[in-house]
Amino acid sequence: DHAINVVGWSVDTLDDGTEAQHWILRNSWSTLWGDSGYFRVRMGERDCGVTTSA
């Protein structure tokens, strides 16, 4: 089985000075995957269905 949980969001400043918003997600595969089991997806287009499936 596999699950992904939305656990938060962040706003980061990019190199060009603009801001980018990201969802913070936790993957059920283990802490050995991604960033200790977490990953980020930029909000907006192509957000892996986070805004439509949550």
PDB file of N, CA and C in Angstrom:
ATOM      1  N   ASP A   1       0.827  -1.186   0.000  1.00  0.00           N
ATOM      2  CA  ASP A   1       0.000   0.000   0.000  1.00  0.00           C
ATOM      3  C   ASP A   1       0.873   1.251   0.000  1.00  0.00           C
ATOM      4  N   HIS A   2       0.274   2.344  -0.433  1.00  0.00           N
ATOM      5  CA  HIS A   2       1.029   3.590  -0.546  1.00  0.00           C
ATOM      6  C   HIS A   2       0.119   4.760  -0.212  1.00  0.00           C
ATOM      7  N   ALA A   3       0.657   5.725   0.506  1.00  0.00           N
ATOM      8  CA  ALA A   3      -0.110   6.932   0.850  1.00  0.00           C
ATOM      9  C   ALA A   3       0.820   8.135   0.861  1.00  0.00           C
ATOM     10  N   ILE A   4       0.243   9.281   0.543  1.00  0.00           N
ATOM     11  CA  ILE A   4       0.950  10.552   0.628  1.00  0.00           C
ATOM     12  C   ILE A   4       0.059  11.497   1.406  1.00  0.00           C
ATOM     13  N   ASN A   5       0.616  12.136   2.426  1.00  0.00           N
ATOM     14  CA  ASN A   5      -0.136  13.086   3.246  1.00  0.00           C
ATOM     15  C   ASN A   5       0.408  14.489   3.045  1.00  0.00           C
ATOM     16  N   VAL A   6      -0.496  15.451   2.885  1.00  0.00           N
ATOM     17  CA  VAL A   6      -0.097  16.859   2.879  1.00  0.00           C
ATOM     18  C   VAL A   6       0.059  17.270   4.336  1.00  0.00           C
ATOM     19  N   VAL A   7       1.255  17.731   4.703  1.00  0.00           N
ATOM     20  CA  VAL A   7       1.509  18.076   6.096  1.00  0.00           C
ATOM     21  C   VAL A   7       1.802  19.561   6.300  1.00  0.00           C
ATOM     22  N   GLY A   8       1.902  20.318   5.204  1.00  0.00           N
ATOM     23  CA  GLY A   8       2.155  21.748   5.351  1.00  0.00           C
ATOM     24  C   GLY A   8       2.432  22.415   4.029  1.00  0.00           C
ATOM     25  N   TRP A   9       2.888  23.653   4.118  1.00  0.00           N
ATOM     26  CA  TRP A   9       3.254  24.413   2.927  1.00  0.00           C
ATOM     27  C   TRP A   9       4.376  25.370   3.295  1.00  0.00           C
ATOM     28  N   SER A  10       5.089  25.844   2.282  1.00  0.00           N
ATOM     29  CA  SER A  10       6.186  26.777   2.526  1.00  0.00           C
ATOM     30  C   SER A  10       6.254  27.791   1.387  1.00  0.00           C
ATOM     31  N   VAL A  11       6.864  28.922   1.669  1.00  0.00           N
ATOM     32  CA  VAL A  11       7.125  29.941   0.662  1.00  0.00           C
ATOM     33  C   VAL A  11       8.631  30.151   0.628  1.00  0.00           C
ATOM     34  N   ASP A  12       9.208  29.943  -0.541  1.00  0.00           N
ATOM     35  CA  ASP A  12      10.648  30.083  -0.699  1.00  0.00           C
ATOM     36  C   ASP A  12      10.957  31.226  -1.648  1.00  0.00           C
ATOM     37  N   THR A  13      12.062  31.912  -1.414  1.00  0.00           N
ATOM     38  CA  THR A  13      12.523  32.955  -2.317  1.00  0.00           C
ATOM     39  C   THR A  13      13.505  32.334  -3.302  1.00  0.00           C
ATOM     40  N   LEU A  14      13.208  32.484  -4.586  1.00  0.00           N
ATOM     41  CA  LEU A  14      14.053  31.928  -5.634  1.00  0.00           C
ATOM     42  C   LEU A  14      15.242  32.841  -5.908  1.00  0.00           C
ATOM     43  N   ASP A  15      16.185  32.353  -6.683  1.00  0.00           N
ATOM     44  CA  ASP A  15      17.397  33.120  -6.991  1.00  0.00           C
ATOM     45  C   ASP A  15      17.096  34.463  -7.650  1.00  0.00           C
ATOM     46  N   ASP A  16      15.987  34.534  -8.405  1.00  0.00           N
ATOM     47  CA  ASP A  16      15.655  35.792  -9.082  1.00  0.00           C
ATOM     48  C   ASP A  16      14.846  36.744  -8.202  1.00  0.00           C
ATOM     49  N   GLY A  17      14.632  36.369  -6.937  1.00  0.00           N
ATOM     50  CA  GLY A  17      13.926  37.224  -5.990  1.00  0.00           C
ATOM     51  C   GLY A  17      12.433  36.995  -5.919  1.00  0.00           C
ATOM     52  N   THR A  18      11.882  36.180  -6.817  1.00  0.00           N
ATOM     53  CA  THR A  18      10.455  35.877  -6.771  1.00  0.00           C
ATOM     54  C   THR A  18      10.199  34.801  -5.718  1.00  0.00           C
ATOM     55  N   GLU A  19       8.944  34.676  -5.320  1.00  0.00           N
ATOM     56  CA  GLU A  19       8.584  33.674  -4.324  1.00  0.00           C
ATOM     57  C   GLU A  19       7.869  32.500  -4.981  1.00  0.00           C
ATOM     58  N   ALA A  20       8.082  31.328  -4.452  1.00  0.00           N
ATOM     59  CA  ALA A  20       7.415  30.116  -4.921  1.00  0.00           C
ATOM     60  C   ALA A  20       6.797  29.407  -3.725  1.00  0.00           C
ATOM     61  N   GLN A  21       5.537  29.033  -3.867  1.00  0.00           N
ATOM     62  CA  GLN A  21       4.841  28.310  -2.803  1.00  0.00           C
ATOM     63  C   GLN A  21       4.890  26.818  -3.099  1.00  0.00           C
ATOM     64  N   HIS A  22       5.121  26.023  -2.050  1.00  0.00           N
ATOM     65  CA  HIS A  22       5.224  24.576  -2.177  1.00  0.00           C
ATOM     66  C   HIS A  22       4.354  23.880  -1.136  1.00  0.00           C
ATOM     67  N   TRP A  23       3.773  22.758  -1.533  1.00  0.00           N
ATOM     68  CA  TRP A  23       3.155  21.844  -0.574  1.00  0.00           C
ATOM     69  C   TRP A  23       4.267  20.998   0.013  1.00  0.00           C
ATOM     70  N   ILE A  24       4.189  20.679   1.293  1.00  0.00           N
ATOM     71  CA  ILE A  24       5.109  19.735   1.928  1.00  0.00           C
ATOM     72  C   ILE A  24       4.317  18.447   2.136  1.00  0.00           C
ATOM     73  N   LEU A  25       4.846  17.352   1.598  1.00  0.00           N
ATOM     74  CA  LEU A  25       4.148  16.078   1.643  1.00  0.00           C
ATOM     75  C   LEU A  25       5.000  15.009   2.302  1.00  0.00           C
ATOM     76  N   ARG A  26       4.330  14.064   2.963  1.00  0.00           N
ATOM     77  CA  ARG A  26       5.023  12.931   3.588  1.00  0.00           C
ATOM     78  C   ARG A  26       4.639  11.670   2.819  1.00  0.00           C
ATOM     79  N   ASN A  27       5.639  10.918   2.427  1.00  0.00           N
ATOM     80  CA  ASN A  27       5.451   9.691   1.668  1.00  0.00           C
ATOM     81  C   ASN A  27       5.487   8.506   2.624  1.00  0.00           C
ATOM     82  N   SER A  28       4.655   7.510   2.392  1.00  0.00           N
ATOM     83  CA  SER A  28       4.600   6.354   3.293  1.00  0.00           C
ATOM     84  C   SER A  28       5.687   5.317   3.021  1.00  0.00           C
ATOM     85  N   TRP A  29       6.537   5.526   2.033  1.00  0.00           N
ATOM     86  CA  TRP A  29       7.543   4.521   1.695  1.00  0.00           C
ATOM     87  C   TRP A  29       8.616   4.362   2.742  1.00  0.00           C
ATOM     88  N   SER A  30       8.948   5.344   3.507  1.00  0.00           N
ATOM     89  CA  SER A  30       9.903   5.286   4.620  1.00  0.00           C
ATOM     90  C   SER A  30      10.729   6.553   4.641  1.00  0.00           C
ATOM     91  N   THR A  31      11.484   6.709   5.701  1.00  0.00           N
ATOM     92  CA  THR A  31      12.337   7.893   5.826  1.00  0.00           C
ATOM     93  C   THR A  31      13.567   7.798   4.933  1.00  0.00           C
ATOM     94  N   LEU A  32      13.794   6.654   4.300  1.00  0.00           N
ATOM     95  CA  LEU A  32      14.922   6.503   3.383  1.00  0.00           C
ATOM     96  C   LEU A  32      14.628   7.106   2.013  1.00  0.00           C
ATOM     97  N   TRP A  33      13.379   7.434   1.757  1.00  0.00           N
ATOM     98  CA  TRP A  33      12.968   8.010   0.475  1.00  0.00           C
ATOM     99  C   TRP A  33      12.926   9.531   0.573  1.00  0.00           C
ATOM    100  N   GLY A  34      13.305  10.228  -0.486  1.00  0.00           N
ATOM    101  CA  GLY A  34      13.201  11.682  -0.533  1.00  0.00           C
ATOM    102  C   GLY A  34      14.037  12.358   0.540  1.00  0.00           C
ATOM    103  N   ASP A  35      13.459  13.366   1.174  1.00  0.00           N
ATOM    104  CA  ASP A  35      14.130  14.119   2.240  1.00  0.00           C
ATOM    105  C   ASP A  35      13.611  13.599   3.578  1.00  0.00           C
ATOM    106  N   SER A  36      14.161  12.483   4.023  1.00  0.00           N
ATOM    107  CA  SER A  36      13.718  11.794   5.248  1.00  0.00           C
ATOM    108  C   SER A  36      12.236  11.435   5.189  1.00  0.00           C
ATOM    109  N   GLY A  37      11.777  11.041   3.996  1.00  0.00           N
ATOM    110  CA  GLY A  37      10.383  10.639   3.813  1.00  0.00           C
ATOM    111  C   GLY A  37       9.468  11.756   3.357  1.00  0.00           C
ATOM    112  N   TYR A  38       9.983  12.963   3.241  1.00  0.00           N
ATOM    113  CA  TYR A  38       9.187  14.125   2.831  1.00  0.00           C
ATOM    114  C   TYR A  38       9.636  14.614   1.463  1.00  0.00           C
ATOM    115  N   PHE A  39       8.748  15.323   0.781  1.00  0.00           N
ATOM    116  CA  PHE A  39       9.113  15.990  -0.458  1.00  0.00           C
ATOM    117  C   PHE A  39       8.218  17.202  -0.637  1.00  0.00           C
ATOM    118  N   ARG A  40       8.577  18.056  -1.571  1.00  0.00           N
ATOM    119  CA  ARG A  40       7.819  19.277  -1.814  1.00  0.00           C
ATOM    120  C   ARG A  40       7.354  19.304  -3.266  1.00  0.00           C
ATOM    121  N   VAL A  41       6.176  19.851  -3.471  1.00  0.00           N
ATOM    122  CA  VAL A  41       5.616  20.025  -4.806  1.00  0.00           C
ATOM    123  C   VAL A  41       5.173  21.471  -4.919  1.00  0.00           C
ATOM    124  N   ARG A  42       5.588  22.140  -5.977  1.00  0.00           N
ATOM    125  CA  ARG A  42       5.221  23.535  -6.171  1.00  0.00           C
ATOM    126  C   ARG A  42       3.712  23.657  -6.368  1.00  0.00           C
ATOM    127  N   MET A  43       3.106  24.612  -5.703  1.00  0.00           N
ATOM    128  CA  MET A  43       1.667  24.845  -5.819  1.00  0.00           C
ATOM    129  C   MET A  43       1.340  25.372  -7.207  1.00  0.00           C
ATOM    130  N   GLY A  44       0.146  25.032  -7.675  1.00  0.00           N
ATOM    131  CA  GLY A  44      -0.302  25.530  -8.965  1.00  0.00           C
ATOM    132  C   GLY A  44      -0.409  24.420  -9.986  1.00  0.00           C
ATOM    133  N   GLU A  45      -0.055  24.740 -11.203  1.00  0.00           N
ATOM    134  CA  GLU A  45      -0.150  23.770 -12.279  1.00  0.00           C
ATOM    135  C   GLU A  45       0.758  22.575 -12.045  1.00  0.00           C
ATOM    136  N   ARG A  46       0.296  21.402 -12.469  1.00  0.00           N
ATOM    137  CA  ARG A  46       1.064  20.154 -12.340  1.00  0.00           C
ATOM    138  C   ARG A  46       1.502  19.888 -10.907  1.00  0.00           C
ATOM    139  N   ASP A  47       0.568  19.986  -9.974  1.00  0.00           N
ATOM    140  CA  ASP A  47       0.904  19.763  -8.563  1.00  0.00           C
ATOM    141  C   ASP A  47       0.559  18.345  -8.112  1.00  0.00           C
ATOM    142  N   CYS A  48       0.565  17.407  -9.050  1.00  0.00           N
ATOM    143  CA  CYS A  48       0.331  15.976  -8.771  1.00  0.00           C
ATOM    144  C   CYS A  48      -1.053  15.712  -8.188  1.00  0.00           C
ATOM    145  N   GLY A  49      -2.013  16.586  -8.462  1.00  0.00           N
ATOM    146  CA  GLY A  49      -3.375  16.397  -7.977  1.00  0.00           C
ATOM    147  C   GLY A  49      -3.593  16.791  -6.531  1.00  0.00           C
ATOM    148  N   VAL A  50      -2.636  17.443  -5.907  1.00  0.00           N
ATOM    149  CA  VAL A  50      -2.770  17.812  -4.495  1.00  0.00           C
ATOM    150  C   VAL A  50      -4.006  18.680  -4.285  1.00  0.00           C
ATOM    151  N   THR A  51      -4.231  19.655  -5.143  1.00  0.00           N
ATOM    152  CA  THR A  51      -5.360  20.573  -4.946  1.00  0.00           C
ATOM    153  C   THR A  51      -6.694  19.963  -5.347  1.00  0.00           C
ATOM    154  N   THR A  52      -6.688  18.910  -6.163  1.00  0.00           N
ATOM    155  CA  THR A  52      -7.953  18.299  -6.585  1.00  0.00           C
ATOM    156  C   THR A  52      -8.280  17.005  -5.854  1.00  0.00           C
ATOM    157  N   SER A  53      -7.295  16.377  -5.233  1.00  0.00           N
ATOM    158  CA  SER A  53      -7.511  15.085  -4.573  1.00  0.00           C
ATOM    159  C   SER A  53      -7.446  15.140  -3.056  1.00  0.00           C
ATOM    160  N   ALA A  54      -7.069  16.278  -2.504  1.00  0.00           N
ATOM    161  CA  ALA A  54      -6.927  16.374  -1.048  1.00  0.00           C
ATOM    162  C   ALA A  54      -8.273  16.425  -0.369  1.00  0.00           C
TER     163      ALA A  54
END
